[in-house]
Every structure is written in structure tokens, then in C-alpha cells.
């Protein structure tokens, strides 16, 4: 019996992966547009709406951190080229 449960989990994860890829491609290209589509997916998976809100806040933090690190790395790369 445990093997069938593990197989069901992998099938569910594969379905979620396929849906995430499709939603990423089909989401509107506006700031925060992906959040509306992922809210539907995460709600369908059974996550409470409070958890979805926390994921949105974490996403904003990660996007801002990514932008800041990208600027620092770009400047360091330009300094390396100049030297």
C-alpha cells in the first residue's frame, strides 16, 4: 500500500508542475498578474487563503531581493571588465 500512496503523490506533483508551467506562460504580463492565477491554483490544492497571502508577500520580498542583487552583480561585473 505505501507504494501506491507514493505514486499518487508523484502524479499529483506532476500535475501541479504542468499547471504551474501553463499558468506561467498564460498569465498576464502585468505586475502581480501571476498572483491572481496562482491564487486559483493554490486554493484548488487546498491551501488556506491566509497561506496564499503569505506566499504573495514572500514573492514580493524575493522579487525585490532579486532585483537588488542583480544590480549589485551587474555593477561588480562592469568593474571587473573595467579593470
C-alpha atoms as a PDB file:
ATOM      1  CA  UNK A   1       0.000   0.000   0.000  1.00  0.00           C
ATOM      2  CA  UNK A   2       2.715   2.618   0.726  1.00  0.00           C
ATOM      3  CA  UNK A   3       3.987   2.419  -2.848  1.00  0.00           C
ATOM      4  CA  UNK A   4       0.595   3.323  -4.278  1.00  0.00           C
ATOM      5  CA  UNK A   5       0.450   6.378  -1.986  1.00  0.00           C
ATOM      6  CA  UNK A   6       3.910   7.483  -3.132  1.00  0.00           C
ATOM      7  CA  UNK A   7       2.888   7.042  -6.764  1.00  0.00           C
ATOM      8  CA  UNK A   8      -0.239   9.150  -6.171  1.00  0.00           C
ATOM      9  CA  UNK A   9       1.874  11.902  -4.629  1.00  0.00           C
ATOM     10  CA  UNK A  10       4.214  11.920  -7.631  1.00  0.00           C
ATOM     11  CA  UNK A  11       1.280  12.047 -10.031  1.00  0.00           C
ATOM     12  CA  UNK A  12      -0.194  14.998  -8.116  1.00  0.00           C
ATOM     13  CA  UNK A  13       3.165  16.774  -8.126  1.00  0.00           C
ATOM     14  CA  UNK A  14       3.496  16.213 -11.874  1.00  0.00           C
ATOM     15  CA  UNK A  15       0.018  17.655 -12.455  1.00  0.00           C
ATOM     16  CA  UNK A  16       0.857  20.689 -10.307  1.00  0.00           C
ATOM     17  CA  UNK A  17       4.116  21.188 -12.227  1.00  0.00           C
ATOM     18  CA  UNK A  18       2.313  21.074 -15.571  1.00  0.00           C
ATOM     19  CA  UNK A  19      -0.321  23.527 -14.324  1.00  0.00           C
ATOM     20  CA  UNK A  20       2.315  25.894 -12.967  1.00  0.00           C
ATOM     21  CA  UNK A  21       4.166  25.942 -16.279  1.00  0.00           C
ATOM     22  CA  UNK A  22       0.950  26.557 -18.195  1.00  0.00           C
ATOM     23  CA  UNK A  23      -0.132  29.317 -15.821  1.00  0.00           C
ATOM     24  CA  UNK A  24       3.279  30.953 -16.016  1.00  0.00           C
ATOM     25  CA  UNK A  25       3.080  31.116 -19.789  1.00  0.00           C
ATOM     26  CA  UNK A  26      -0.575  32.162 -19.909  1.00  0.00           C
ATOM     27  CA  UNK A  27      -0.505  34.730 -17.106  1.00  0.00           C
ATOM     28  CA  UNK A  28      -0.928  38.386 -17.986  1.00  0.00           C
ATOM     29  CA  UNK A  29       2.318  40.296 -18.312  1.00  0.00           C
ATOM     30  CA  UNK A  30       1.451  42.939 -15.746  1.00  0.00           C
ATOM     31  CA  UNK A  31       2.984  43.325 -12.281  1.00  0.00           C
ATOM     32  CA  UNK A  32       1.217  40.930  -9.968  1.00  0.00           C
ATOM     33  CA  UNK A  33      -0.712  39.230 -12.752  1.00  0.00           C
ATOM     34  CA  UNK A  34       0.732  35.842 -11.878  1.00  0.00           C
ATOM     35  CA  UNK A  35      -0.618  36.144  -8.340  1.00  0.00           C
ATOM     36  CA  UNK A  36      -4.234  36.006  -9.496  1.00  0.00           C
ATOM     37  CA  UNK A  37      -3.654  32.816 -11.439  1.00  0.00           C
ATOM     38  CA  UNK A  38      -1.604  31.165  -8.704  1.00  0.00           C
ATOM     39  CA  UNK A  39      -4.266  32.048  -6.136  1.00  0.00           C
ATOM     40  CA  UNK A  40      -6.694  29.898  -8.089  1.00  0.00           C
ATOM     41  CA  UNK A  41      -4.212  27.022  -8.287  1.00  0.00           C
ATOM     42  CA  UNK A  42      -3.196  27.138  -4.629  1.00  0.00           C
ATOM     43  CA  UNK A  43      -6.809  27.427  -3.492  1.00  0.00           C
ATOM     44  CA  UNK A  44      -7.651  24.390  -5.614  1.00  0.00           C
ATOM     45  CA  UNK A  45      -4.816  22.469  -3.937  1.00  0.00           C
ATOM     46  CA  UNK A  46      -6.412  23.134  -0.574  1.00  0.00           C
ATOM     47  CA  UNK A  47      -4.143  25.835   0.830  1.00  0.00           C
ATOM     48  CA  UNK A  48      -5.992  28.291   3.041  1.00  0.00           C
ATOM     49  CA  UNK A  49      -6.221  31.826   1.711  1.00  0.00           C
ATOM     50  CA  UNK A  50      -4.030  33.071   4.584  1.00  0.00           C
ATOM     51  CA  UNK A  51      -1.182  30.930   3.276  1.00  0.00           C
ATOM     52  CA  UNK A  52      -1.716  32.309  -0.227  1.00  0.00           C
ATOM     53  CA  UNK A  53      -1.403  35.825   1.170  1.00  0.00           C
ATOM     54  CA  UNK A  54       1.827  34.926   2.936  1.00  0.00           C
ATOM     55  CA  UNK A  55       3.186  33.444  -0.305  1.00  0.00           C
ATOM     56  CA  UNK A  56       2.368  36.689  -2.104  1.00  0.00           C
ATOM     57  CA  UNK A  57       4.259  38.709   0.496  1.00  0.00           C
ATOM     58  CA  UNK A  58       7.207  36.322   0.267  1.00  0.00           C
ATOM     59  CA  UNK A  59       7.152  36.637  -3.518  1.00  0.00           C
ATOM     60  CA  UNK A  60       7.348  40.434  -3.347  1.00  0.00           C
ATOM     61  CA  UNK A  61      10.310  40.163  -0.971  1.00  0.00           C
ATOM     62  CA  UNK A  62      12.087  37.661  -3.233  1.00  0.00           C
ATOM     63  CA  UNK A  63      11.491  39.736  -6.378  1.00  0.00           C
ATOM     64  CA  UNK A  64      12.863  42.871  -4.710  1.00  0.00           C
ATOM     65  CA  UNK A  65      15.863  40.969  -3.362  1.00  0.00           C
ATOM     66  CA  UNK A  66      16.496  39.521  -6.827  1.00  0.00           C
ATOM     67  CA  UNK A  67      16.399  42.992  -8.385  1.00  0.00           C
ATOM     68  CA  UNK A  68      18.815  44.412  -5.812  1.00  0.00           C
ATOM     69  CA  UNK A  69      21.259  41.535  -6.165  1.00  0.00           C
ATOM     70  CA  UNK A  70      21.039  41.789  -9.946  1.00  0.00           C
ATOM     71  CA  UNK A  71      22.082  45.448  -9.812  1.00  0.00           C
ATOM     72  CA  UNK A  72      24.993  44.712  -7.467  1.00  0.00           C
ATOM     73  CA  UNK A  73      26.215  41.811  -9.577  1.00  0.00           C
ATOM     74  CA  UNK A  74      25.927  43.866 -12.776  1.00  0.00           C
ATOM     75  CA  UNK A  75      27.979  46.700 -11.230  1.00  0.00           C
ATOM     76  CA  UNK A  76      30.608  44.268  -9.972  1.00  0.00           C
ATOM     77  CA  UNK A  77      30.793  42.696 -13.422  1.00  0.00           C
ATOM     78  CA  UNK A  78      31.277  46.112 -15.027  1.00  0.00           C
ATOM     79  CA  UNK A  79      34.028  46.931 -12.531  1.00  0.00           C
ATOM     80  CA  UNK A  80      35.714  43.624 -13.349  1.00  0.00           C
ATOM     81  CA  UNK A  81      35.584  44.385 -17.057  1.00  0.00           C
ATOM     82  CA  UNK A  82      36.972  47.894 -16.494  1.00  0.00           C
ATOM     83  CA  UNK A  83      39.929  46.619 -14.502  1.00  0.00           C
END
